[in-house]
Structures are given as C-alpha cells and as structure tokens.
Protein backbone atom coordinates (compact mmCIF):
# COMPACT_ATOMS: atom_id res chain seq x y z
CA UNK A 1 -17.32 40.27 -49.91
CA UNK A 2 -14.73 41.98 -51.92
CA UNK A 3 -11.30 40.55 -52.61
CA UNK A 4 -9.62 43.02 -50.25
CA UNK A 5 -11.93 42.04 -47.36
CA UNK A 6 -11.12 38.33 -47.95
CA UNK A 7 -7.47 39.07 -48.01
CA UNK A 8 -7.80 40.95 -44.89
CA UNK A 9 -9.76 38.12 -43.23
CA UNK A 10 -7.19 35.46 -44.48
CA UNK A 11 -4.36 37.59 -43.09
CA UNK A 12 -6.06 37.74 -39.68
CA UNK A 13 -6.75 34.11 -39.72
CA UNK A 14 -3.06 33.23 -40.48
CA UNK A 15 -1.96 35.61 -37.76
CA UNK A 16 -4.22 33.93 -35.30
CA UNK A 17 -3.04 30.46 -36.35
CA UNK A 18 0.56 31.47 -36.12
CA UNK A 19 -0.15 32.88 -32.60
CA UNK A 20 -1.82 29.58 -31.67
CA UNK A 21 0.98 27.68 -32.88
CA UNK A 22 3.54 29.79 -30.97
CA UNK A 23 1.37 29.55 -27.81
CA UNK A 24 1.05 25.88 -28.25
CA UNK A 25 4.81 25.49 -28.68
CA UNK A 26 5.47 27.53 -25.57
CA UNK A 27 2.93 25.49 -23.66
CA UNK A 28 4.46 22.40 -24.74
CA UNK A 29 7.89 23.51 -23.84
CA UNK A 30 6.60 24.46 -20.44
CA UNK A 31 5.13 20.90 -20.07
CA UNK A 32 8.30 19.27 -21.10
CA UNK A 33 10.26 21.40 -18.53
CA UNK A 34 7.72 20.45 -15.79
CA UNK A 35 8.02 16.76 -16.75
CA UNK A 36 11.69 17.03 -16.44
CA UNK A 37 11.31 18.87 -13.12
CA UNK A 38 8.93 16.19 -11.87
CA UNK A 39 11.28 13.34 -12.93
CA UNK A 40 14.21 14.99 -11.10
CA UNK A 41 12.06 15.44 -7.96
CA UNK A 42 10.78 11.84 -8.11
CA UNK A 43 14.51 10.77 -8.48
CA UNK A 44 15.50 12.87 -5.57
CA UNK A 45 12.48 11.62 -3.49
CA UNK A 46 13.55 7.92 -4.24
CA UNK A 47 17.17 8.71 -3.25
CA UNK A 48 15.98 10.17 -0.04
CA UNK A 49 13.60 7.31 0.49
CA UNK A 50 16.36 4.72 0.17
CA UNK A 51 18.39 6.93 2.61
CA UNK A 52 15.83 7.13 5.07
CA UNK A 53 15.11 3.34 4.77
CA UNK A 54 18.82 2.44 5.27
CA UNK A 55 19.20 4.78 8.30
CA UNK A 56 15.70 3.79 9.90
CA UNK A 57 16.41 0.02 9.59
CA UNK A 58 19.98 0.50 10.88
CA UNK A 59 18.51 2.08 13.93
CA UNK A 60 16.11 -0.98 14.43
CA UNK A 61 19.15 -3.27 14.26
CA UNK A 62 20.81 -1.32 16.97
CA UNK A 63 17.76 -1.50 19.21
CA UNK A 64 17.62 -5.24 18.51
CA UNK A 65 16.01 -7.39 15.96
CA UNK A 66 14.45 -9.27 18.62
CA UNK A 67 12.89 -7.45 21.56
CA UNK A 68 10.79 -8.45 24.52
CA UNK A 69 8.32 -6.06 26.15
CA UNK A 70 6.29 -6.54 29.19
CA UNK A 71 3.03 -4.82 29.78
CA UNK A 72 1.59 -5.04 33.35
CA UNK A 73 -2.14 -5.65 33.31
CA UNK A 74 -4.15 -3.36 35.69
CA UNK A 75 -5.59 -5.16 38.65
CA UNK A 76 -9.26 -6.18 38.12
CA UNK A 77 -12.07 -6.48 40.63
CA UNK A 78 -12.38 -10.16 39.85
CA UNK A 79 -8.72 -10.48 41.06
CA UNK A 80 -8.14 -12.03 44.50
CA UNK A 81 -7.31 -9.34 47.13
CA UNK A 82 -3.90 -8.73 48.33
CA UNK A 83 -0.61 -7.21 47.50
CA UNK A 84 0.40 -6.74 43.77
CA UNK A 85 2.44 -9.60 42.70
CA UNK A 86 4.97 -7.44 40.76
CA UNK A 87 6.49 -4.19 41.25
CA UNK A 88 7.85 -2.10 38.32
CA UNK A 89 11.20 -0.73 39.44
CA UNK A 90 12.03 1.21 36.34
CA UNK A 91 11.25 1.12 32.56
CA UNK A 92 13.51 -2.02 32.21
CA UNK A 93 13.31 -3.94 35.37
CA UNK A 94 10.47 -5.46 37.51
CA UNK A 95 10.59 -7.52 40.65
CA UNK A 96 8.38 -10.22 41.96
CA UNK A 97 6.98 -8.51 45.22
CA UNK A 98 4.60 -11.26 46.51
CA UNK A 99 5.03 -14.85 47.25
CA UNK A 100 4.80 -16.65 44.04
CA UNK A 101 5.88 -20.20 43.22
CA UNK A 102 7.29 -21.90 40.26
CA UNK A 103 4.72 -24.44 38.66
CA UNK A 104 5.51 -27.70 37.00
CA UNK A 105 7.24 -30.69 38.09
CA UNK A 106 10.93 -29.70 37.22
CA UNK A 107 13.97 -29.15 39.53
CA UNK A 108 12.47 -25.51 40.23
CA UNK A 109 9.08 -26.65 40.98
CA UNK A 110 7.72 -25.10 44.01
CA UNK A 111 10.62 -22.48 44.35
CA UNK A 112 9.61 -19.06 45.55
CA UNK A 113 10.14 -16.25 42.95
CA UNK A 114 9.75 -13.57 45.56
CA UNK A 115 12.69 -11.07 45.14
CA UNK A 116 13.49 -12.28 41.68
CA UNK A 117 14.08 -9.53 39.10
CA UNK A 118 13.43 -9.58 35.31
CA UNK A 119 14.78 -7.32 32.73
CA UNK A 120 13.03 -6.46 29.44
CA UNK A 121 13.82 -4.15 26.57
CA UNK A 122 10.77 -2.00 28.01
CA UNK A 123 8.14 -2.34 30.55
CA UNK A 124 4.78 -0.68 30.34
CA UNK A 125 3.10 0.09 33.70
CA UNK A 126 -0.56 -0.68 34.18
CA UNK A 127 -1.38 2.79 33.54
CA UNK A 128 -0.15 2.69 29.98
CA UNK A 129 -2.70 3.17 27.34
CA UNK A 130 -3.01 1.47 23.80
CA UNK A 131 -1.45 4.53 22.07
CA UNK A 132 1.57 4.33 24.23
CA UNK A 133 2.11 0.74 23.52
CA UNK A 134 1.56 1.41 19.72
CA UNK A 135 4.01 4.24 19.66
CA UNK A 136 6.71 1.90 20.84
CA UNK A 137 6.28 -0.69 18.06
CA UNK A 138 4.94 1.59 15.31
CA UNK A 139 8.49 1.68 13.89
CA UNK A 140 8.03 -2.03 12.82
CA UNK A 141 5.29 -1.02 10.55
CA UNK A 142 7.63 1.27 8.76
CA UNK A 143 10.18 -1.60 8.33
CA UNK A 144 7.45 -3.66 6.94
CA UNK A 145 6.77 -0.98 4.32
CA UNK A 146 10.36 -1.18 3.49
CA UNK A 147 10.03 -4.78 2.70
CA UNK A 148 11.41 -6.37 5.74
CA UNK A 149 9.52 -9.36 7.58
CA UNK A 150 8.07 -8.30 10.66
CA UNK A 151 6.21 -10.29 13.52
CA UNK A 152 4.71 -8.87 16.74
CA UNK A 153 2.91 -11.41 18.97
CA UNK A 154 1.68 -11.32 22.59
CA UNK A 155 2.48 -14.15 24.91
CA UNK A 156 1.04 -14.92 28.42
CA UNK A 157 -1.36 -16.84 30.50
CA UNK A 158 -5.18 -16.63 29.96
CA UNK A 159 -6.56 -13.44 31.21
CA UNK A 160 -3.26 -11.61 30.87
CA UNK A 161 -4.58 -9.03 28.36
CA UNK A 162 -3.12 -10.50 25.06
CA UNK A 163 -6.29 -10.09 22.94
CA UNK A 164 -6.88 -6.51 24.23
CA UNK A 165 -3.27 -5.55 23.33
CA UNK A 166 -3.22 -7.04 19.96
CA UNK A 167 -7.05 -6.33 18.87
CA UNK A 168 -8.38 -3.93 21.45
CA UNK A 169 -11.80 -2.37 21.11
CA UNK A 170 -12.57 -1.84 17.47
CA UNK A 171 -15.55 0.47 18.43
CA UNK A 172 -13.51 2.62 20.50
CA UNK A 173 -10.61 4.66 18.79
CA UNK A 174 -8.78 5.32 22.04
CA UNK A 175 -8.90 1.46 22.76
CA UNK A 176 -7.76 0.19 19.30
CA UNK A 177 -5.02 -2.51 19.78
CA UNK A 178 -1.92 -3.11 17.69
CA UNK A 179 -3.43 -4.98 14.79
CA UNK A 180 -6.02 -2.33 13.76
CA UNK A 181 -3.60 0.61 14.41
CA UNK A 182 -0.99 -1.19 12.32
CA UNK A 183 -3.29 -1.70 9.40
CA UNK A 184 -4.31 1.85 9.40
CA UNK A 185 -0.59 3.02 9.57
CA UNK A 186 0.26 0.53 6.74
CA UNK A 187 -2.59 1.91 4.45
CA UNK A 188 -1.48 5.51 5.11
CA UNK A 189 2.14 4.66 4.43
CA UNK A 190 1.20 2.76 1.04
CA UNK A 191 -0.83 5.82 -0.02
CA UNK A 192 1.93 8.27 0.89
CA UNK A 193 4.43 6.32 -1.06
CA UNK A 194 2.17 5.44 -4.00
CA UNK A 195 1.68 9.26 -4.43
CA UNK A 196 5.53 9.64 -4.56
CA UNK A 197 5.60 6.75 -6.93
CA UNK A 198 7.74 4.68 -4.63
CA UNK A 199 5.56 1.61 -4.64
CA UNK A 200 2.49 0.39 -6.30
CA UNK A 201 -0.33 -1.51 -4.65
CA UNK A 202 -2.52 -3.60 -6.81
CA UNK A 203 -6.24 -3.30 -6.53
CA UNK A 204 -6.77 -6.95 -5.26
CA UNK A 205 -4.44 -6.19 -2.29
CA UNK A 206 -6.07 -3.07 -1.59
CA UNK A 207 -9.54 -4.66 -1.53
CA UNK A 208 -8.11 -7.56 0.61
CA UNK A 209 -6.90 -4.78 3.25
CA UNK A 210 -10.38 -3.21 3.30
CA UNK A 211 -12.24 -6.59 3.59
CA UNK A 212 -10.10 -7.58 6.49
CA UNK A 213 -10.74 -4.38 8.29
CA UNK A 214 -14.38 -4.94 7.70
CA UNK A 215 -14.31 -8.47 8.77
CA UNK A 216 -12.59 -7.41 12.13
CA UNK A 217 -15.32 -4.85 12.72
CA UNK A 218 -18.16 -7.18 12.13
CA UNK A 219 -16.42 -9.75 14.41
CA UNK A 220 -16.24 -7.12 17.18
CA UNK A 221 -19.98 -6.25 16.77
CA UNK A 222 -21.06 -9.88 17.05
CA UNK A 223 -19.17 -9.99 20.40
CA UNK A 224 -20.86 -6.97 21.64
CA UNK A 225 -24.38 -8.66 21.05
C-alpha cells in the first residue's frame, strides 16, 4: 500500500471517528434531556399523587372515620319458615318486621323489638353480591396504600355470613370476599406506585403477600375435600 493510500485511509478513519464522537455526544445530550424530562414527570407525578392522597382521605373523613354497614343474609332453606325478621326500608334504615325479643337478663330482656328501626351508613339487601360489598369499602385499600391504618371486620351471630363476606369462596372469582379482593387491589396498587417511583416494596414483603395468598387458597381447598 502506497503512502497516498495510507493517508487516505487514515483520513477516512479520522472522519469516521469524528462522526462517531459527534453522534455519541448528540446521543448523550438526548439521554440527558430524556433523564431531565423523566425527573420532571416523576416530580409532577409525586405532586399529583400527594394532592390525590390529600383529597381522597379528606373525602374519607367526610364520610366518617368509623362506619357501620349492615348486610342482610339471604334466607336459607335451613331457616325456619315464616315472615322475614327484618324489612329494608331504604339504603340506610331497616325495621324489625317480625316478633323478636331482646335476649339476656337485663332491664330490656324479653322486650319486643318489632317495629324498631335501625340506621346504618349503608344497608346491603340480601341480593347484594360480593363485588358490590367490596366496591363500597375498596376506598379503604387506597387509604392503606397512602399509609393510613385501616381495619374492616365483620360482627354478628353464628351463621350470619361473616366468613363468607370476609373470605368468600377462593375458588370462584365472583364469590371472592373482602380479604382476597383487598389483597389483589393492594398488590396492583403497589405495582402501579412502584412503577411511578412513589413507593418501594421489599422482596420479603412481596414474598409474604404471595405466601399468604397461597396459604388461603390451600386452606380453602382443604375445606372442599
């Protein structure tokens, strides 16, 4: 190869190197601009998240930090025949429609409750499904994600349907109770907020949630056998 050819080759190589350096610098500048834009969007997202959290939990406080709901259990074939004990007058009030007497040994023991009315934050009639129940309390899951302590529990006599409301049927999506639905919504919320860099969930916590879901499923399968 003659000197002129080598000079031409070196010139070509130098031009290619310069072009590569220029392209690299342009790419680096674009990456820096993208990083800057991402930081601005994340900052904006965090600001909107805090605003949403503030307004959401303000609305929860307006509704009441303590709420009492009533779910009317459908009449079962094993129940004694006769008129329904209660009558739902509207979404807030129910009335004792059949003779029913106060138990116990107090001053009101033996007193008839027929005609008495009771008011709740909301009453779910016997036709209400599991999804309708969860829709009413699902906002509590959002509050839990926002860092607030939340408790939902069922109270009633044996056979009232507490376990069905809270746990439901883990093998039937339509009959899932509050607990598995809340866990699913919580996991989805954590994943969403993790993508937005709003929160970070540790691997042990993630595994604990998965293990709990598997435990509930195995427990339900054993009951079916």
